[in-house]
Amino acid sequence: MIQIRETSRSLPFYRPVPLTDLPLLYHREHLFPYTSYGDTATTAEARSFRMVVLENAALRIEVATELGGRVYSLFDKRIGQEVLFSNPVVKPVRILPIWAFISGGIEFNFPIAHSPTSIAEVGCATGCVGDYGFIPVGEREARTGMEWVVELGLAGDAPVLVQRTALRNQTGAAHPWMMWTICAVRSTAETEFVHPPHRVLLHDDRVVEADWPGNGLNWDRHYRQMTALFWKPGGAARFGAFHHDAGFGIMHAADPAQVPGKKLWTYGHGAHRAWGQATTNPESGLSYCEIESGPLLDQSEKPLFPAGEERRYTEFWMPVHSRAECDTQSLPELNLPDWNEPWLGWGHSPWQTEWERVRAGGGPLPSSPVPTGIALETALRQELASGNAHASQPLALWLAFHGRPTEALTLVAKGDANARRIAGLICWKGLNDPAAAVAHLEAGPLQDPIAVVELDELYASLGIHERRGALLHAAATHPRVIERRADLALASGKPAEAIRLLSETKWQREHQRHVRTELWRKAHAAAGDLDAPVPDYLSEDDLAPFGAYWST
């Protein structure tokens, strides 16, 4: 018998700290208009999270609507075990695209991985049709206006979690996209990844093809560094993970014509394991690995989602109780009801709601970042025409995002410090006129370290090194400023100073950024030491460049 109810779960929450209040337009490693985070509190606060529970005789799932709609728990009642890595804490870490990734559960990532709303509330509903109970989660995404919905369902007492996904683009323009479902499971020496023999793309500090399972690629304990692995086209309909020490696992099944993408991710059992452990309770020693699925073959693909199109597909998650059971799983034959209009819109989001009021002509101009996925141009121009000068910056940002930099520049070229900064970014990145950007960025809000970094990067690109020292010396000490000071030391022929700055600073771990690694290599090359190893204390991984996880 299907049961659906609401409850809450109290979890230690390590609050993330925004990198800046400035809009991060034209920044490749940030996802405007979403907030990017630069730090996380070192101590936790207790926070109660809403959970929507769906249960039958075999399984109980808990969906965390305030954490991106992820399945926080998949509990197998038949054996009394949690099947997923259900993180005992909520602890954001510095992973793209908003630098506030949290591990655990089954997360849904659209239109980029990882989801920009992974620590935010998304829309949620519940329903039953006959003996099928379901929880749809999703939203209209604020950057592009595209929509995603994932319906999580249980049919009768079948021990199968159904996932039906719908994506659509009603914006009138094509947008880059990817969609990956990421299932976190325990990482132990006895965790085996399960897939029939096949060819794979292996991504660690290399990007190479290999045979699966080859020389032990199917065992988590054999990985000594963080590694991603994508199965090549033509793979099986099923794959998963089995924990031999615990006697259970989980298998995923889908029609490969609909869901060809299959990936595993592990931090391995070497030095990189600390990266996974950093996402959870530091005393627990826990880490996790992931099995991932999606409608694209691998995460280097980010094609355009055409305007007016819609995609739907179905996949299944099945707990298993023996290794032999992994090899006998097939696509479940369940009688699922029709899925008509699943869309959940934007009403769950206070951010989008306040801007929708502006679009409808019934609300004050918000101070929050302008959601570029909402058609706000007309409403903002009406605000300007009515004498509200505060509409100039959000309208400029909206126009610049939508590829209209010349129109945008006229709105901010003579404004306050924040407006001048936006004008400088538009000149530099939107109009490819960096020389015209200098005066604007120099008039910007240089009390903010990010504005300082932008101006210093502009100076460096134009070879104006004589202004860099005074700028960086006057700036507040900040990790991004220290990186720029190291860059200036290199440009000034002082590699030893660059090495000192990099060595004496305590850095946060940052995934797939590699800025400090490149500075370290350049500094040692300038000092004549071409073989100097990159130290762990730079807190950057050594993954080879791969993937489409950035905003451009």
Protein backbone atom coordinates (compact mmCIF):
# COMPACT_ATOMS: atom_id res chain seq x y z
CA MET A 1 0.00 0.00 0.00
CA ILE A 2 1.38 3.39 -1.03
CA GLN A 3 1.86 6.03 1.67
CA ILE A 4 2.81 9.67 1.14
CA ARG A 5 3.44 12.11 3.96
CA GLU A 6 5.55 15.07 5.01
CA THR A 7 8.08 15.12 7.79
CA SER A 8 11.31 16.91 8.63
CA ARG A 9 14.86 15.89 9.30
CA SER A 10 17.22 17.88 11.52
CA LEU A 11 20.72 17.94 10.09
CA PRO A 12 23.93 19.79 10.96
CA PHE A 13 24.18 22.57 8.37
CA TYR A 14 27.46 24.26 7.50
CA ARG A 15 26.31 27.57 6.09
CA PRO A 16 27.97 28.66 2.83
CA VAL A 17 29.30 32.22 2.50
CA PRO A 18 28.80 34.12 -0.78
CA LEU A 19 31.95 34.96 -2.69
CA THR A 20 30.63 38.45 -3.40
CA ASP A 21 27.43 40.43 -3.67
CA LEU A 22 28.44 41.64 -7.13
CA PRO A 23 26.76 40.16 -10.21
CA LEU A 24 29.27 37.76 -11.77
CA LEU A 25 28.45 38.50 -15.39
CA TYR A 26 30.82 37.12 -18.07
CA HIS A 27 32.71 34.94 -15.58
CA ARG A 28 33.42 31.51 -17.05
CA GLU A 29 33.68 29.81 -13.66
CA HIS A 30 30.49 31.34 -12.26
CA LEU A 31 26.88 30.91 -13.32
CA PHE A 32 25.24 34.33 -13.43
CA PRO A 33 22.63 35.18 -12.12
CA TYR A 34 23.12 32.54 -9.40
CA THR A 35 25.13 33.33 -6.27
CA SER A 36 28.61 31.82 -6.11
CA TYR A 37 30.07 30.81 -2.77
CA GLY A 38 33.60 31.36 -1.56
CA ASP A 39 33.63 29.80 1.90
CA THR A 40 31.72 27.56 4.27
CA ALA A 41 31.28 27.95 8.00
CA THR A 42 33.61 25.75 10.02
CA THR A 43 30.98 24.96 12.62
CA ALA A 44 27.52 23.58 11.99
CA GLU A 45 24.13 24.87 13.05
CA ALA A 46 21.10 22.64 13.49
CA ARG A 47 18.60 23.07 10.67
CA SER A 48 15.33 21.31 10.00
CA PHE A 49 14.81 20.28 6.37
CA ARG A 50 11.43 19.45 4.87
CA MET A 51 11.19 15.86 3.68
CA VAL A 52 8.42 14.37 1.55
CA VAL A 53 8.16 10.63 2.14
CA LEU A 54 6.93 8.03 -0.35
CA GLU A 55 6.65 4.46 0.91
CA ASN A 56 5.44 1.00 -0.04
CA ALA A 57 5.97 -2.41 1.56
CA ALA A 58 9.52 -2.66 0.17
CA LEU A 59 11.01 0.83 0.03
CA ARG A 60 10.84 4.22 1.74
CA ILE A 61 12.23 7.31 0.05
CA GLU A 62 12.68 10.77 1.50
CA VAL A 63 12.84 13.72 -0.88
CA ALA A 64 14.55 16.92 0.33
CA THR A 65 12.66 19.69 -1.47
CA GLU A 66 14.96 22.39 0.01
CA LEU A 67 18.07 20.63 -1.28
CA GLY A 68 17.31 20.63 -4.98
CA GLY A 69 14.64 17.93 -4.74
CA ARG A 70 17.21 15.18 -4.20
CA VAL A 71 16.32 11.75 -2.87
CA TYR A 72 17.99 12.12 0.51
CA SER A 73 17.25 8.57 1.60
CA LEU A 74 16.34 5.31 -0.11
CA PHE A 75 15.65 2.84 2.68
CA ASP A 76 15.19 -0.84 1.88
CA LYS A 77 12.62 -2.06 4.41
CA ARG A 78 13.18 -5.69 3.46
CA ILE A 79 16.66 -5.69 4.98
CA GLY A 80 16.48 -2.61 7.20
CA GLN A 81 19.29 -0.77 5.35
CA GLU A 82 19.90 2.64 3.84
CA VAL A 83 20.90 1.95 0.24
CA LEU A 84 22.40 5.36 -0.64
CA PHE A 85 25.15 7.43 0.85
CA SER A 86 22.73 9.56 2.87
CA ASN A 87 24.98 12.31 4.19
CA PRO A 88 24.60 12.91 7.95
CA VAL A 89 25.47 16.60 7.41
CA VAL A 90 24.81 19.32 4.81
CA LYS A 91 28.22 20.77 4.07
CA PRO A 92 28.76 22.74 0.84
CA VAL A 93 32.21 22.53 -0.74
CA ARG A 94 33.90 24.31 -3.65
CA ILE A 95 32.73 22.43 -6.73
CA LEU A 96 31.33 24.00 -9.91
CA PRO A 97 29.19 25.76 -10.97
CA ILE A 98 28.13 27.74 -7.86
CA TRP A 99 30.90 26.39 -5.61
CA ALA A 100 28.45 25.01 -3.03
CA PHE A 101 28.10 21.32 -3.92
CA ILE A 102 26.73 18.93 -1.30
CA SER A 103 27.18 15.18 -1.50
CA GLY A 104 24.68 12.42 -0.87
CA GLY A 105 21.45 10.92 -2.13
CA ILE A 106 20.23 11.03 -5.72
CA GLU A 107 20.52 14.52 -7.20
CA PHE A 108 19.14 15.93 -10.45
CA ASN A 109 21.27 18.30 -12.50
CA PHE A 110 19.85 20.52 -15.26
CA PRO A 111 20.88 22.44 -17.33
CA ILE A 112 24.43 21.95 -16.05
CA ALA A 113 26.16 19.62 -13.62
CA HIS A 114 26.07 20.20 -10.77
CA SER A 115 22.68 21.83 -10.37
CA PRO A 116 22.72 25.53 -9.43
CA THR A 117 19.78 24.81 -7.11
CA SER A 118 21.36 21.90 -5.23
CA ILE A 119 21.10 23.84 -1.94
CA ALA A 120 17.86 25.66 -2.81
CA GLU A 121 14.18 24.84 -2.74
CA VAL A 122 12.55 23.49 -5.87
CA GLY A 123 8.92 22.85 -6.70
CA CYS A 124 7.28 19.73 -5.32
CA ALA A 125 3.88 18.02 -5.51
CA THR A 126 2.48 14.59 -4.62
CA GLY A 127 -0.14 12.30 -6.09
CA CYS A 128 -1.53 8.80 -6.53
CA VAL A 129 -3.07 7.11 -9.54
CA GLY A 130 -4.34 3.66 -8.63
CA ASP A 131 -1.50 1.85 -6.89
CA TYR A 132 1.15 4.26 -8.22
CA GLY A 133 2.31 7.00 -5.84
CA PHE A 134 4.60 9.76 -6.96
CA ILE A 135 6.50 12.91 -5.97
CA PRO A 136 7.38 15.27 -8.82
CA VAL A 137 10.15 17.80 -8.16
CA GLY A 138 11.47 20.47 -10.50
CA GLU A 139 11.35 24.09 -11.54
CA ARG A 140 11.71 26.69 -14.22
CA GLU A 141 15.43 27.36 -14.18
CA ALA A 142 16.29 31.02 -13.49
CA ARG A 143 19.25 31.47 -15.86
CA THR A 144 17.68 30.25 -19.11
CA GLY A 145 13.99 29.80 -18.33
CA MET A 146 14.08 26.14 -19.39
CA GLU A 147 12.14 23.68 -17.23
CA TRP A 148 12.84 20.32 -15.69
CA VAL A 149 10.71 17.90 -13.69
CA VAL A 150 11.67 14.55 -12.18
CA GLU A 151 8.82 12.33 -11.02
CA LEU A 152 9.84 9.83 -8.35
CA GLY A 153 7.38 6.96 -8.07
CA LEU A 154 6.59 3.62 -6.48
CA ALA A 155 4.24 1.16 -8.15
CA GLY A 156 2.36 -1.14 -5.80
CA ASP A 157 4.81 -3.00 -3.59
CA ALA A 158 7.49 -3.36 -6.27
CA PRO A 159 11.03 -2.77 -4.89
CA VAL A 160 11.77 -0.30 -7.69
CA LEU A 161 12.15 3.47 -7.58
CA VAL A 162 10.76 4.91 -10.81
CA GLN A 163 12.30 8.10 -12.18
CA ARG A 164 10.48 9.84 -15.04
CA THR A 165 12.18 13.00 -16.34
CA ALA A 166 10.71 15.77 -18.48
CA LEU A 167 12.68 18.69 -19.94
CA ARG A 168 11.41 21.52 -22.10
CA ASN A 169 12.40 24.86 -23.56
CA GLN A 170 9.61 27.37 -24.12
CA THR A 171 11.84 30.45 -24.12
CA GLY A 172 12.03 31.14 -27.85
CA ALA A 173 15.82 30.63 -27.99
CA ALA A 174 18.12 27.61 -27.90
CA HIS A 175 20.25 27.13 -24.76
CA PRO A 176 23.17 24.86 -23.82
CA TRP A 177 22.14 21.96 -21.62
CA MET A 178 23.02 18.70 -19.98
CA MET A 179 21.01 16.52 -17.61
CA TRP A 180 22.65 14.04 -15.27
CA THR A 181 21.21 12.10 -12.37
CA ILE A 182 23.87 11.44 -9.76
CA CYS A 183 23.42 8.65 -7.22
CA ALA A 184 25.84 8.68 -4.28
CA VAL A 185 26.69 5.35 -2.64
CA ARG A 186 29.13 4.26 0.05
CA SER A 187 32.78 4.03 -0.94
CA THR A 188 34.59 1.12 0.72
CA ALA A 189 37.28 -1.37 -0.18
CA GLU A 190 34.46 -3.87 -0.86
CA THR A 191 32.46 -1.68 -3.26
CA GLU A 192 32.23 -3.18 -6.74
CA PHE A 193 30.94 -1.34 -9.80
CA VAL A 194 28.80 -3.56 -12.00
CA HIS A 195 28.54 -3.42 -15.79
CA PRO A 196 29.12 -6.06 -18.48
CA PRO A 197 32.45 -5.92 -20.36
CA HIS A 198 32.61 -2.86 -22.58
CA ARG A 199 34.78 0.06 -23.70
CA VAL A 200 35.06 3.12 -21.44
CA LEU A 201 36.44 6.64 -21.43
CA LEU A 202 38.60 7.11 -18.33
CA HIS A 203 39.22 10.60 -16.92
CA ASP A 204 41.77 11.10 -14.16
CA ASP A 205 44.97 13.04 -14.83
CA ARG A 206 44.54 11.64 -18.33
CA VAL A 207 41.65 11.26 -20.76
CA VAL A 208 42.06 7.81 -22.33
CA GLU A 209 39.98 4.88 -23.49
CA ALA A 210 40.19 1.53 -21.74
CA ASP A 211 38.56 -1.89 -21.63
CA TRP A 212 36.07 -2.54 -18.84
CA PRO A 213 36.60 -4.12 -16.38
CA GLY A 214 40.20 -4.45 -17.51
CA ASN A 215 42.64 -4.85 -14.66
CA GLY A 216 40.24 -4.25 -11.79
CA LEU A 217 38.42 -1.07 -12.87
CA ASN A 218 35.27 -2.59 -11.35
CA TRP A 219 36.62 -2.35 -7.77
CA ASP A 220 36.59 0.98 -5.93
CA ARG A 221 39.67 -0.01 -3.91
CA HIS A 222 41.83 -0.14 -7.04
CA TYR A 223 41.49 3.60 -7.72
CA ARG A 224 44.28 5.66 -6.17
CA GLN A 225 43.07 9.07 -7.37
CA MET A 226 39.81 10.79 -8.23
CA THR A 227 38.51 9.27 -11.43
CA ALA A 228 35.52 9.55 -13.72
CA LEU A 229 34.63 6.78 -16.11
CA PHE A 230 32.07 6.94 -18.94
CA TRP A 231 30.83 3.89 -20.80
CA LYS A 232 31.06 4.25 -24.55
CA PRO A 233 28.00 3.88 -26.82
CA GLY A 234 26.37 0.46 -27.05
CA GLY A 235 26.58 -0.40 -23.38
CA ALA A 236 24.11 -2.48 -21.42
CA ALA A 237 20.75 -1.33 -20.10
CA ARG A 238 21.92 -1.80 -16.51
CA PHE A 239 24.80 -0.82 -14.27
CA GLY A 240 25.27 -0.19 -10.57
CA ALA A 241 27.28 -0.77 -7.41
CA PHE A 242 27.37 -3.62 -4.90
CA HIS A 243 28.87 -3.52 -1.41
CA HIS A 244 30.26 -6.96 -0.62
CA ASP A 245 30.93 -6.01 3.00
CA ALA A 246 27.29 -5.01 3.58
CA GLY A 247 25.58 -7.54 1.33
CA PHE A 248 23.51 -5.07 -0.73
CA GLY A 249 23.76 -2.60 -3.56
CA ILE A 250 21.77 -0.67 -6.14
CA MET A 251 21.28 -1.17 -9.86
CA HIS A 252 20.14 1.35 -12.44
CA ALA A 253 18.23 0.35 -15.58
CA ALA A 254 17.03 2.35 -18.57
CA ASP A 255 16.55 1.97 -22.30
CA PRO A 256 19.97 2.87 -23.77
CA ALA A 257 18.22 4.59 -26.67
CA GLN A 258 16.71 7.07 -24.19
CA VAL A 259 19.42 7.16 -21.54
CA PRO A 260 22.78 6.22 -23.10
CA GLY A 261 24.90 8.09 -20.55
CA LYS A 262 26.46 6.01 -17.76
CA LYS A 263 29.24 7.24 -15.51
CA LEU A 264 30.98 6.33 -12.31
CA TRP A 265 32.92 8.72 -10.10
CA THR A 266 35.20 7.92 -7.23
CA TYR A 267 37.74 9.80 -5.13
CA GLY A 268 39.58 6.51 -4.79
CA HIS A 269 41.56 5.21 -1.85
CA GLY A 270 44.62 7.42 -2.06
CA ALA A 271 45.34 11.04 -1.15
CA HIS A 272 42.27 12.32 -3.00
CA ARG A 273 39.96 10.45 -0.62
CA ALA A 274 40.17 13.47 1.67
CA TRP A 275 38.15 15.45 -0.91
CA GLY A 276 35.16 13.15 -0.50
CA GLN A 277 35.55 13.06 3.27
CA ALA A 278 35.53 16.87 3.34
CA THR A 279 31.89 16.87 2.21
CA THR A 280 30.65 15.09 5.31
CA ASN A 281 31.24 14.72 9.04
CA PRO A 282 35.01 15.13 9.47
CA GLU A 283 35.13 12.59 12.32
CA SER A 284 33.24 9.87 10.47
CA GLY A 285 35.88 8.84 7.96
CA LEU A 286 33.07 8.39 5.43
CA SER A 287 33.45 8.89 1.73
CA TYR A 288 31.28 8.19 -1.26
CA CYS A 289 31.34 7.32 -4.93
CA GLU A 290 28.71 7.92 -7.59
CA ILE A 291 26.88 6.16 -10.37
CA GLU A 292 25.40 8.63 -12.83
CA SER A 293 22.99 8.47 -15.75
CA GLY A 294 21.73 10.83 -18.42
CA PRO A 295 20.47 11.30 -21.98
CA LEU A 296 23.92 12.46 -23.23
CA LEU A 297 26.90 10.15 -23.61
CA ASP A 298 29.38 11.99 -21.40
CA GLN A 299 29.87 15.31 -19.64
CA SER A 300 31.89 16.90 -22.40
CA GLU A 301 28.58 17.23 -24.27
CA LYS A 302 26.55 20.41 -23.76
CA PRO A 303 24.51 20.80 -26.96
CA LEU A 304 21.84 23.39 -27.64
CA PHE A 305 18.32 22.54 -26.49
CA PRO A 306 16.18 23.86 -29.34
CA ALA A 307 13.41 26.33 -28.62
CA GLY A 308 9.98 24.73 -28.43
CA GLU A 309 11.28 21.19 -27.87
CA GLU A 310 10.59 18.73 -25.08
CA ARG A 311 12.32 15.51 -24.00
CA ARG A 312 11.03 12.75 -21.72
CA TYR A 313 12.55 9.49 -20.56
CA THR A 314 12.22 6.88 -17.82
CA GLU A 315 14.77 5.08 -15.67
CA PHE A 316 14.69 2.80 -12.63
CA TRP A 317 16.68 2.33 -9.42
CA MET A 318 16.59 -1.16 -7.86
CA PRO A 319 18.13 -2.22 -4.55
CA VAL A 320 19.70 -5.67 -4.74
CA HIS A 321 20.66 -8.15 -2.01
CA SER A 322 23.28 -10.32 -3.71
CA ARG A 323 26.00 -9.92 -6.31
CA ALA A 324 24.29 -12.53 -8.47
CA GLU A 325 21.11 -10.46 -8.47
CA CYS A 326 23.02 -7.59 -10.11
CA ASP A 327 23.57 -9.69 -13.23
CA THR A 328 19.92 -10.70 -13.60
CA GLN A 329 18.32 -7.27 -13.39
CA SER A 330 16.38 -6.12 -16.44
CA LEU A 331 14.08 -3.26 -17.28
CA PRO A 332 11.11 -3.54 -14.93
CA GLU A 333 7.72 -4.11 -16.52
CA LEU A 334 5.48 -1.76 -14.57
CA ASN A 335 2.08 -0.44 -15.54
CA LEU A 336 2.69 3.29 -15.15
CA PRO A 337 -0.07 5.85 -15.68
CA ASP A 338 0.13 8.49 -18.41
CA TRP A 339 2.21 11.54 -17.53
CA ASN A 340 0.43 14.56 -18.90
CA GLU A 341 1.42 18.09 -17.77
CA PRO A 342 4.08 17.67 -15.07
CA TRP A 343 5.51 21.19 -15.01
CA LEU A 344 5.99 22.87 -11.61
CA GLY A 345 6.94 26.39 -12.66
CA TRP A 346 8.42 29.01 -10.33
CA GLY A 347 5.95 29.55 -7.49
CA HIS A 348 8.21 27.77 -4.99
CA SER A 349 10.96 30.37 -5.49
CA PRO A 350 10.69 33.68 -3.61
CA TRP A 351 13.43 35.01 -5.89
CA GLN A 352 11.58 34.30 -9.12
CA THR A 353 8.21 35.21 -7.60
CA GLU A 354 9.26 38.77 -6.71
CA TRP A 355 10.53 39.29 -10.23
CA GLU A 356 7.37 37.82 -11.74
CA ARG A 357 5.45 40.49 -9.82
CA VAL A 358 7.59 43.10 -11.58
CA ARG A 359 6.84 41.52 -14.94
CA ALA A 360 3.12 41.65 -14.11
CA GLY A 361 3.42 45.30 -13.12
CA GLY A 362 2.41 44.68 -9.53
CA GLY A 363 5.51 44.75 -7.39
CA PRO A 364 8.47 46.90 -6.32
CA LEU A 365 11.83 46.46 -7.99
CA PRO A 366 13.71 43.74 -6.05
CA SER A 367 17.29 44.06 -4.87
CA SER A 368 18.03 40.43 -5.80
CA PRO A 369 19.92 39.51 -9.01
CA VAL A 370 17.79 39.75 -12.13
CA PRO A 371 16.73 36.25 -13.29
CA THR A 372 17.80 36.21 -16.92
CA GLY A 373 15.41 33.35 -17.68
CA ILE A 374 12.36 35.61 -17.21
CA ALA A 375 11.23 37.93 -20.02
CA LEU A 376 11.74 41.15 -18.04
CA GLU A 377 12.85 43.64 -20.68
CA THR A 378 9.45 45.30 -21.17
CA ALA A 379 8.76 45.61 -17.45
CA LEU A 380 12.20 47.06 -16.73
CA ARG A 381 11.93 49.58 -19.53
CA GLN A 382 8.56 50.64 -18.13
CA GLU A 383 10.20 51.11 -14.74
CA LEU A 384 12.83 53.35 -16.33
CA ALA A 385 10.21 55.30 -18.22
CA SER A 386 8.33 55.91 -14.99
CA GLY A 387 11.43 57.50 -13.46
CA ASN A 388 12.85 54.53 -11.53
CA ALA A 389 16.57 54.85 -12.25
CA HIS A 390 17.26 51.71 -10.18
CA ALA A 391 15.99 49.65 -13.12
CA SER A 392 19.02 50.57 -15.25
CA GLN A 393 21.44 48.01 -13.76
CA PRO A 394 19.14 44.96 -13.85
CA LEU A 395 18.09 45.87 -17.38
CA ALA A 396 21.73 46.26 -18.46
CA LEU A 397 22.57 42.86 -16.95
CA TRP A 398 19.56 41.26 -18.62
CA LEU A 399 20.43 42.74 -22.02
CA ALA A 400 24.13 41.85 -21.74
CA PHE A 401 23.31 38.26 -20.85
CA HIS A 402 21.03 38.04 -23.88
CA GLY A 403 23.78 39.17 -26.25
CA ARG A 404 22.90 42.86 -26.53
CA PRO A 405 25.94 44.58 -25.00
CA THR A 406 25.71 47.84 -26.93
CA GLU A 407 22.22 48.55 -25.61
CA ALA A 408 23.28 47.46 -22.15
CA LEU A 409 26.29 49.78 -22.02
CA THR A 410 24.23 52.93 -22.52
CA LEU A 411 22.36 52.17 -19.30
CA VAL A 412 25.37 51.93 -16.98
CA ALA A 413 28.16 53.99 -18.55
CA LYS A 414 27.57 56.98 -16.22
CA GLY A 415 26.17 55.42 -13.07
CA ASP A 416 27.53 54.66 -9.60
CA ALA A 417 30.51 52.41 -8.84
CA ASN A 418 28.51 49.22 -9.34
CA ALA A 419 27.16 50.48 -12.65
CA ARG A 420 30.64 51.46 -13.83
CA ARG A 421 31.91 47.98 -13.02
CA ILE A 422 29.13 46.45 -15.12
CA ALA A 423 29.97 48.90 -17.90
CA GLY A 424 33.62 47.85 -17.75
CA LEU A 425 32.73 44.15 -17.98
CA ILE A 426 30.46 44.85 -20.95
CA CYS A 427 33.20 46.78 -22.76
CA TRP A 428 35.80 44.12 -22.03
CA LYS A 429 33.88 40.88 -22.46
CA GLY A 430 30.76 41.86 -24.37
CA LEU A 431 32.21 44.32 -26.88
CA ASN A 432 35.82 43.02 -26.91
CA ASP A 433 37.16 46.49 -26.16
CA PRO A 434 39.37 46.03 -23.09
CA ALA A 435 40.98 49.47 -23.40
CA ALA A 436 37.58 51.12 -23.04
CA ALA A 437 36.93 49.03 -19.95
CA VAL A 438 39.84 50.43 -17.91
CA ALA A 439 38.28 53.71 -16.76
CA HIS A 440 35.02 51.98 -15.90
CA LEU A 441 36.58 49.23 -13.78
CA GLU A 442 38.89 51.77 -12.10
CA ALA A 443 35.73 53.62 -11.02
CA GLY A 444 34.17 50.39 -9.74
CA PRO A 445 33.61 49.14 -6.16
CA LEU A 446 37.25 48.37 -5.39
CA GLN A 447 36.47 47.70 -1.74
CA ASP A 448 35.26 44.30 -3.02
CA PRO A 449 38.16 41.89 -3.69
CA ILE A 450 36.40 40.46 -6.74
CA ALA A 451 36.27 43.91 -8.36
CA VAL A 452 39.99 44.28 -7.61
CA VAL A 453 40.71 40.92 -9.21
CA GLU A 454 38.75 41.87 -12.33
CA LEU A 455 40.66 45.12 -12.72
CA ASP A 456 44.00 43.42 -12.15
CA GLU A 457 43.18 40.78 -14.76
CA LEU A 458 42.32 43.58 -17.17
CA TYR A 459 45.58 45.41 -16.43
CA ALA A 460 47.51 42.17 -16.97
CA SER A 461 45.78 41.46 -20.28
CA LEU A 462 46.72 44.95 -21.51
CA GLY A 463 50.27 44.81 -20.12
CA ILE A 464 49.64 47.70 -17.70
CA HIS A 465 51.77 46.13 -14.98
CA GLU A 466 52.83 49.43 -13.43
CA ARG A 467 49.35 49.94 -11.95
CA ARG A 468 48.98 46.44 -10.58
CA GLY A 469 51.22 46.72 -7.52
CA ALA A 470 49.41 49.66 -5.92
CA LEU A 471 46.02 48.12 -6.69
CA LEU A 472 46.83 44.76 -5.14
CA HIS A 473 48.74 46.24 -2.20
CA ALA A 474 45.72 48.35 -1.21
CA ALA A 475 43.27 45.48 -1.59
CA ALA A 476 41.91 43.47 1.31
CA THR A 477 43.64 40.13 1.77
CA HIS A 478 41.56 37.51 0.01
CA PRO A 479 42.46 34.20 -1.67
CA ARG A 480 41.68 35.58 -5.13
CA VAL A 481 43.79 38.68 -4.45
CA ILE A 482 46.72 36.54 -3.28
CA GLU A 483 46.54 34.58 -6.53
CA ARG A 484 46.76 37.85 -8.43
CA ARG A 485 49.73 38.96 -6.30
CA ALA A 486 51.48 35.72 -7.24
CA ASP A 487 50.68 36.38 -10.89
CA LEU A 488 52.14 39.88 -10.61
CA ALA A 489 55.29 38.51 -8.98
CA LEU A 490 55.73 36.24 -11.98
CA ALA A 491 55.17 39.11 -14.41
CA SER A 492 57.77 41.13 -12.47
CA GLY A 493 60.41 38.40 -12.75
CA LYS A 494 60.11 37.31 -9.11
CA PRO A 495 59.23 33.60 -9.21
CA ALA A 496 60.50 33.05 -5.66
CA GLU A 497 57.96 35.59 -4.40
CA ALA A 498 55.17 33.82 -6.30
CA ILE A 499 56.21 30.50 -4.77
CA ARG A 500 56.27 32.06 -1.30
CA LEU A 501 52.77 33.47 -1.67
CA LEU A 502 51.42 30.16 -2.90
CA SER A 503 53.23 28.20 -0.18
CA GLU A 504 52.32 30.37 2.80
CA THR A 505 48.59 30.70 2.12
CA LYS A 506 46.05 28.23 3.47
CA TRP A 507 43.83 27.40 0.50
CA GLN A 508 40.41 25.81 0.30
CA ARG A 509 39.99 22.76 -1.89
CA GLU A 510 38.62 23.84 -5.27
CA HIS A 511 37.60 21.28 -7.84
CA GLN A 512 38.70 21.62 -11.49
CA ARG A 513 39.95 25.19 -11.17
CA HIS A 514 43.76 24.75 -11.48
CA VAL A 515 44.68 28.47 -11.21
CA ARG A 516 47.22 27.96 -8.43
CA THR A 517 48.59 24.84 -10.10
CA GLU A 518 49.37 26.81 -13.25
CA LEU A 519 50.97 29.63 -11.23
CA TRP A 520 53.10 27.09 -9.37
CA ARG A 521 54.29 25.45 -12.58
CA LYS A 522 55.09 28.77 -14.24
CA ALA A 523 56.96 30.00 -11.16
CA HIS A 524 59.09 26.87 -10.91
CA ALA A 525 59.72 26.88 -14.66
CA ALA A 526 60.90 30.50 -14.38
CA ALA A 527 63.17 29.44 -11.51
CA GLY A 528 64.62 26.66 -13.65
CA ASP A 529 62.92 23.77 -11.85
CA LEU A 530 60.79 22.14 -14.53
CA ASP A 531 60.13 18.96 -12.53
CA ALA A 532 58.84 20.45 -9.27
CA PRO A 533 55.81 18.44 -8.10
CA VAL A 534 52.57 20.30 -7.43
CA PRO A 535 52.00 20.14 -3.65
CA ASP A 536 48.73 19.03 -2.08
CA TYR A 537 48.54 22.25 -0.04
CA LEU A 538 47.57 24.20 -3.15
CA SER A 539 44.26 22.35 -2.71
CA GLU A 540 43.55 21.84 -6.38
CA ASP A 541 42.95 18.49 -8.03
CA ASP A 542 45.04 17.13 -10.89
CA LEU A 543 42.22 16.10 -13.20
CA ALA A 544 42.99 16.55 -16.88
CA PRO A 545 40.94 19.28 -18.59
CA PHE A 546 37.65 17.69 -19.67
CA GLY A 547 33.96 18.34 -19.44
CA ALA A 548 31.51 21.18 -19.99
CA TYR A 549 30.91 22.21 -16.39
CA TRP A 550 31.57 25.91 -16.94
CA SER A 551 29.09 28.62 -17.87
CA THR A 552 30.58 29.14 -21.34
